[in-house]
Protein backbone atom coordinates (compact mmCIF):
# COMPACT_ATOMS: atom_id res chain seq x y z
CA MET A 1 10.36 4.10 -13.23
CA LYS A 2 7.63 6.77 -13.17
CA ILE A 3 4.77 6.42 -10.71
CA LEU A 4 1.53 8.41 -10.41
CA SER A 5 0.60 8.35 -6.70
CA ILE A 6 -2.93 9.56 -5.86
CA GLN A 7 -3.24 9.79 -2.08
CA SER A 8 -3.83 12.01 0.91
CA HIS A 9 -1.10 14.30 2.28
CA VAL A 10 -0.16 15.49 5.75
CA ALA A 11 2.30 18.26 6.57
CA TYR A 12 3.25 16.87 10.00
CA GLY A 13 4.35 13.25 10.08
CA HIS A 14 3.97 10.56 7.47
CA ALA A 15 0.75 9.23 5.97
CA GLY A 16 -0.55 8.86 2.44
CA ASN A 17 1.70 10.54 -0.08
CA SER A 18 3.85 11.99 2.69
CA ALA A 19 4.66 8.38 3.59
CA ALA A 20 4.87 6.95 0.06
CA VAL A 21 6.63 9.55 -2.05
CA PHE A 22 9.95 9.78 -0.22
CA PRO A 23 10.65 6.01 -0.21
CA LEU A 24 9.86 5.85 -3.93
CA GLN A 25 12.18 8.74 -4.62
CA ARG A 26 14.91 7.32 -2.37
CA LEU A 27 14.78 4.17 -4.49
CA GLY A 28 15.35 6.28 -7.59
CA HIS A 29 11.86 6.52 -9.02
CA GLU A 30 10.17 9.61 -10.44
CA VAL A 31 6.89 10.29 -8.63
CA TYR A 32 3.94 12.44 -9.67
CA PRO A 33 2.09 12.99 -6.36
CA VAL A 34 -1.57 13.98 -6.61
CA LEU A 35 -3.19 14.98 -3.31
CA THR A 36 -6.71 14.03 -2.25
CA VAL A 37 -6.52 15.95 1.06
CA ASN A 38 -4.01 18.46 2.43
CA PHE A 39 -4.13 18.05 6.20
CA SER A 40 -1.89 19.39 8.95
CA ASN A 41 -1.56 15.86 10.39
CA HIS A 42 -3.28 12.49 10.27
CA THR A 43 -6.59 12.16 12.07
CA GLY A 44 -5.20 9.76 14.67
CA TYR A 45 -4.24 12.80 16.73
CA GLY A 46 -7.93 13.54 17.29
CA SER A 47 -7.98 16.75 15.30
CA SER A 48 -6.47 18.08 12.10
CA ARG A 49 -6.70 21.15 9.93
CA GLY A 50 -6.74 21.60 6.22
CA PRO A 51 -8.98 20.93 3.23
CA LEU A 52 -10.46 17.93 1.56
CA ILE A 53 -9.75 18.37 -2.12
CA ALA A 54 -12.81 18.12 -4.34
CA PRO A 55 -12.84 15.22 -6.79
CA THR A 56 -13.16 17.67 -9.69
CA GLU A 57 -9.98 19.44 -8.55
CA ILE A 58 -8.13 16.13 -8.20
CA ALA A 59 -9.19 15.30 -11.74
CA GLU A 60 -7.93 18.71 -12.92
CA VAL A 61 -4.46 18.01 -11.54
CA ILE A 62 -4.40 14.60 -13.20
CA GLN A 63 -5.51 16.12 -16.49
CA GLY A 64 -2.70 18.65 -16.25
CA ILE A 65 -0.18 15.83 -15.85
CA GLU A 66 -1.69 14.12 -18.87
CA GLU A 67 -1.40 17.33 -20.88
CA ARG A 68 2.33 17.39 -20.19
CA GLY A 69 2.57 14.13 -22.13
CA ALA A 70 3.43 12.03 -19.06
CA PHE A 71 0.91 9.20 -19.37
CA PRO A 72 2.72 7.07 -21.99
CA HIS A 73 5.76 7.00 -19.70
CA ILE A 74 4.01 6.15 -16.41
CA ASP A 75 4.88 2.63 -15.25
CA ALA A 76 2.41 2.41 -12.37
CA VAL A 77 -0.47 4.14 -10.61
CA LEU A 78 -0.55 3.88 -6.81
CA SER A 79 -3.57 4.67 -4.63
CA GLY A 80 -4.33 4.41 -0.93
CA TYR A 81 -7.14 5.72 1.27
CA GLN A 82 -10.22 6.71 -0.73
CA GLY A 83 -12.60 8.68 1.45
CA ALA A 84 -15.47 8.84 -1.03
CA GLU A 85 -16.69 6.92 -4.06
CA ALA A 86 -16.26 10.05 -6.18
CA VAL A 87 -12.54 10.10 -5.40
CA GLY A 88 -12.34 6.42 -6.27
CA GLU A 89 -13.99 7.10 -9.61
CA VAL A 90 -11.33 9.74 -10.36
CA VAL A 91 -8.61 7.22 -9.52
CA LEU A 92 -10.14 4.56 -11.74
CA ASP A 93 -10.53 7.04 -14.59
CA ALA A 94 -6.84 7.94 -14.26
CA VAL A 95 -5.92 4.24 -14.33
CA THR A 96 -7.96 3.74 -17.49
CA ARG A 97 -6.29 6.67 -19.24
CA VAL A 98 -2.77 5.76 -18.15
CA LYS A 99 -3.25 2.19 -19.35
CA ALA A 100 -4.65 3.43 -22.67
CA ALA A 101 -1.45 5.43 -23.13
CA ASN A 102 0.82 2.65 -21.79
CA PRO A 103 -0.78 -0.83 -21.74
CA ALA A 104 2.17 -2.16 -19.70
CA ALA A 105 1.40 0.18 -16.78
CA LEU A 106 0.26 -1.42 -13.51
CA TYR A 107 -2.27 -0.28 -10.94
CA CYS A 108 -1.34 -0.93 -7.29
CA CYS A 109 -4.20 -0.40 -4.84
CA ASP A 110 -3.99 -0.39 -1.07
CA PRO A 111 -7.65 -1.07 -0.22
CA VAL A 112 -7.68 0.93 3.01
CA MET A 113 -10.78 0.30 5.07
CA GLY A 114 -9.94 -0.98 8.55
CA ASP A 115 -7.75 -3.10 10.78
CA VAL A 116 -7.87 -5.73 13.52
CA GLY A 117 -8.93 -4.18 16.82
CA ARG A 118 -10.25 -1.00 15.18
CA GLY A 119 -12.75 -2.43 12.73
CA PHE A 120 -13.77 -0.28 9.80
CA PHE A 121 -12.66 3.35 9.93
CA VAL A 122 -13.95 4.47 6.55
CA ARG A 123 -17.47 5.70 5.99
CA PRO A 124 -20.24 3.21 5.11
CA GLY A 125 -20.21 2.11 1.49
CA ILE A 126 -16.47 2.50 0.94
CA PRO A 127 -15.55 -1.14 1.75
CA GLU A 128 -18.14 -2.40 -0.72
CA PHE A 129 -17.00 0.12 -3.34
CA LEU A 130 -13.41 -1.05 -2.96
CA ARG A 131 -14.42 -4.70 -3.11
CA ASP A 132 -16.77 -4.45 -6.07
CA GLN A 133 -15.34 -1.63 -8.18
CA VAL A 134 -11.69 -0.98 -7.34
CA VAL A 135 -10.07 -4.32 -6.48
CA PRO A 136 -11.15 -5.99 -9.77
CA ARG A 137 -9.38 -3.19 -11.68
CA ALA A 138 -6.09 -3.49 -9.80
CA ASP A 139 -3.02 -5.47 -10.84
CA ILE A 140 -1.54 -5.44 -7.32
CA ILE A 141 -3.46 -5.13 -4.07
CA THR A 142 -1.97 -4.76 -0.59
CA PRO A 143 -4.65 -5.48 2.05
CA ASN A 144 -3.94 -6.24 5.69
CA GLN A 145 -5.48 -9.42 7.06
CA PHE A 146 -8.64 -7.67 8.30
CA GLU A 147 -9.20 -6.18 4.84
CA LEU A 148 -8.47 -9.48 3.12
CA GLU A 149 -11.04 -11.21 5.32
CA PHE A 150 -13.66 -8.64 4.36
CA LEU A 151 -12.83 -8.89 0.67
CA VAL A 152 -13.32 -12.66 0.64
CA GLY A 153 -16.09 -12.75 3.26
CA ARG A 154 -14.56 -15.12 5.77
CA SER A 155 -12.10 -15.27 8.68
CA LEU A 156 -8.66 -16.72 8.07
CA GLY A 157 -6.98 -18.87 10.69
CA SER A 158 -4.07 -20.51 8.90
CA GLU A 159 -1.33 -19.73 6.43
CA GLN A 160 -3.01 -21.95 3.86
CA GLU A 161 -6.31 -20.11 4.27
CA VAL A 162 -4.54 -16.78 3.69
CA VAL A 163 -3.07 -18.13 0.43
CA GLU A 164 -6.44 -19.51 -0.65
CA ALA A 165 -8.10 -16.16 0.07
CA ALA A 166 -5.44 -14.34 -1.93
CA ASP A 167 -6.00 -16.75 -4.82
CA ALA A 168 -9.74 -16.09 -4.62
CA LEU A 169 -9.03 -12.36 -4.98
CA ARG A 170 -6.65 -13.01 -7.85
CA GLY A 171 -9.50 -14.76 -9.59
CA ARG A 172 -11.37 -11.43 -9.59
CA GLY A 173 -8.65 -9.44 -11.37
CA PRO A 174 -5.43 -8.69 -9.49
CA GLU A 175 -2.33 -10.68 -10.40
CA VAL A 176 -0.47 -10.00 -7.16
CA VAL A 177 -1.78 -9.94 -3.58
CA LEU A 178 0.49 -8.76 -0.77
CA VAL A 179 -1.07 -9.33 2.65
CA THR A 180 0.76 -6.74 4.71
CA SER A 181 0.27 -8.16 8.20
CA THR A 182 -0.76 -11.74 8.87
CA LEU A 183 -1.22 -13.37 12.25
CA THR A 184 -2.52 -16.94 12.11
CA ARG A 185 -2.04 -20.10 14.15
CA ASP A 186 0.94 -20.84 11.89
CA THR A 187 2.72 -17.58 12.68
CA PRO A 188 5.68 -18.17 15.01
CA GLU A 189 5.10 -16.80 18.50
CA GLY A 190 6.24 -13.21 18.89
CA SER A 191 6.30 -12.66 15.13
CA ILE A 192 4.27 -11.07 12.37
CA GLN A 193 4.29 -11.96 8.70
CA MET A 194 3.80 -10.57 5.22
CA THR A 195 2.48 -12.93 2.57
CA CYS A 196 2.78 -12.46 -1.19
CA VAL A 197 0.76 -14.57 -3.61
CA THR A 198 1.03 -14.63 -7.42
CA SER A 199 0.39 -17.16 -10.18
CA ASP A 200 4.05 -18.20 -9.88
CA GLY A 201 4.02 -18.98 -6.18
CA ALA A 202 3.45 -17.81 -2.62
CA TRP A 203 6.03 -16.50 -0.17
CA VAL A 204 6.02 -15.40 3.45
CA ALA A 205 8.40 -13.06 5.30
CA THR A 206 8.58 -13.25 9.08
CA THR A 207 9.83 -10.51 11.41
CA PRO A 208 9.56 -9.91 15.18
CA LEU A 209 6.28 -8.40 16.33
CA LEU A 210 6.83 -5.02 17.94
CA PRO A 211 4.42 -3.68 20.62
CA MET A 212 3.37 -0.65 18.57
CA THR A 213 1.58 0.57 15.47
CA PHE A 214 2.10 3.73 13.47
CA LYS A 215 -0.16 5.59 11.09
CA GLY A 216 1.15 5.49 7.54
CA GLY A 217 2.95 2.17 7.86
CA GLY A 218 0.72 0.54 5.28
CA ASP A 219 1.31 3.44 2.89
CA VAL A 220 5.06 2.88 3.13
CA VAL A 221 4.68 -0.87 2.62
CA SER A 222 2.60 -0.42 -0.54
CA ALA A 223 5.05 2.06 -2.01
CA LEU A 224 8.09 -0.08 -1.19
CA PHE A 225 6.57 -3.26 -2.53
CA LEU A 226 5.43 -1.62 -5.75
CA ALA A 227 8.91 -0.18 -6.31
CA HIS A 228 10.71 -3.45 -5.61
CA TYR A 229 8.17 -5.52 -7.55
CA LEU A 230 8.69 -3.36 -10.63
CA THR A 231 12.46 -3.90 -10.55
CA ASP A 232 12.96 -7.25 -8.79
CA GLY A 233 9.77 -9.31 -8.83
CA PRO A 234 7.57 -10.65 -6.02
CA SER A 235 9.84 -12.70 -3.75
CA VAL A 236 12.75 -10.26 -3.71
CA GLY A 237 10.27 -7.40 -3.44
CA LEU A 238 8.67 -9.04 -0.41
CA ALA A 239 12.02 -9.62 1.30
CA ARG A 240 13.24 -6.07 0.76
CA THR A 241 9.94 -4.53 1.80
CA ALA A 242 9.74 -6.54 5.02
CA ALA A 243 13.38 -5.85 5.88
CA THR A 244 13.02 -2.11 5.38
CA MET A 245 9.79 -1.87 7.35
CA TYR A 246 11.10 -3.86 10.30
CA THR A 247 14.23 -1.69 10.52
CA ILE A 248 12.24 1.55 10.38
CA MET A 249 9.66 0.37 12.90
CA GLU A 250 12.22 -1.10 15.32
CA ARG A 251 14.30 2.06 15.36
CA THR A 252 11.20 4.24 15.65
CA HIS A 253 10.05 2.17 18.61
CA SER A 254 13.48 2.34 20.24
CA ALA A 255 13.51 6.13 19.87
CA GLY A 256 10.05 6.47 21.42
CA SER A 257 8.88 8.53 18.44
CA GLU A 258 5.19 9.04 17.73
CA GLU A 259 5.92 9.22 13.99
CA MET A 260 7.96 6.88 11.80
CA LEU A 261 11.61 7.87 11.45
CA LEU A 262 11.27 7.63 7.70
CA VAL A 263 13.85 10.22 6.71
CA GLN A 264 16.28 9.45 9.51
CA GLU A 265 16.33 5.76 8.59
CA GLN A 266 16.47 6.26 4.84
CA GLU A 267 19.46 3.95 4.45
CA ALA A 268 17.10 1.11 5.38
CA ILE A 269 15.10 2.11 2.30
CA ALA A 270 18.06 2.42 -0.04
CA SER A 271 19.89 -0.66 1.28
CA PRO A 272 17.50 -3.20 2.85
CA ASP A 273 18.95 -5.87 5.12
CA THR A 274 19.55 -8.74 2.71
CA ARG A 275 19.82 -11.23 5.58
CA LEU A 276 16.03 -11.37 5.89
CA GLU A 277 14.90 -14.46 4.04
CA VAL A 278 11.48 -15.36 2.71
CA SER A 279 10.01 -18.86 2.66
CA GLN A 280 8.27 -20.16 -0.42
CA ILE A 281 5.08 -21.85 0.74
CA ARG A 282 3.76 -22.84 -2.69
């Protein structure tokens, strides 16, 4: 598979394309990474260095890829954090052109805007832009529960409500909704879940809840799920994604690392733990 990934980049650690590209490659996919920023590190450290890349320059890189004749062979476009509407417009234009060249190509969007406990961390206007302009154009979206609640305009307290919210989003355009972290009254104590909803069914994967979070985790999840979905479908894709992420996060936590041990634990990417089962809930 060939994937055009339009995301941020950090030199130190793993976030954006520096979190997504390696897992895709380790799974055997060809990736065309297009950078929207080139930072020394993610902003969670309090400071970073490096440039924002102008939307016109991002578009130039994408045009160059198109001129190499790549678009008819691209199977999917992947996007994450979009810091400005102008960047989002470049992404959507790329999606339109890729799909014109290959109507079977998919667009996977991680609608990054915020999280539980942190609230919104994108600038004003971006959540509405994602909701109204980007999500309806996507085939696959990978929000966390906070983002899903914003997208549908209500809080979600049960597994059934999460599925209903995902179905409401699917009614606006996307075929597949992966909710990357769900915690409801139905979640077993000490656990966290991922929920995948399509027209064919709904599935949930449950793993232990670890007392930590890492920047870039959502970027890895989106990349893994897209890769596995393309080759194995939604339920197997969910199981393999959840198994890989739990292994990486558990070993990162055990090592006391401030950054995901993405490269060190690459066997968890290539060979996910097949013992993790998913439950079909619809």
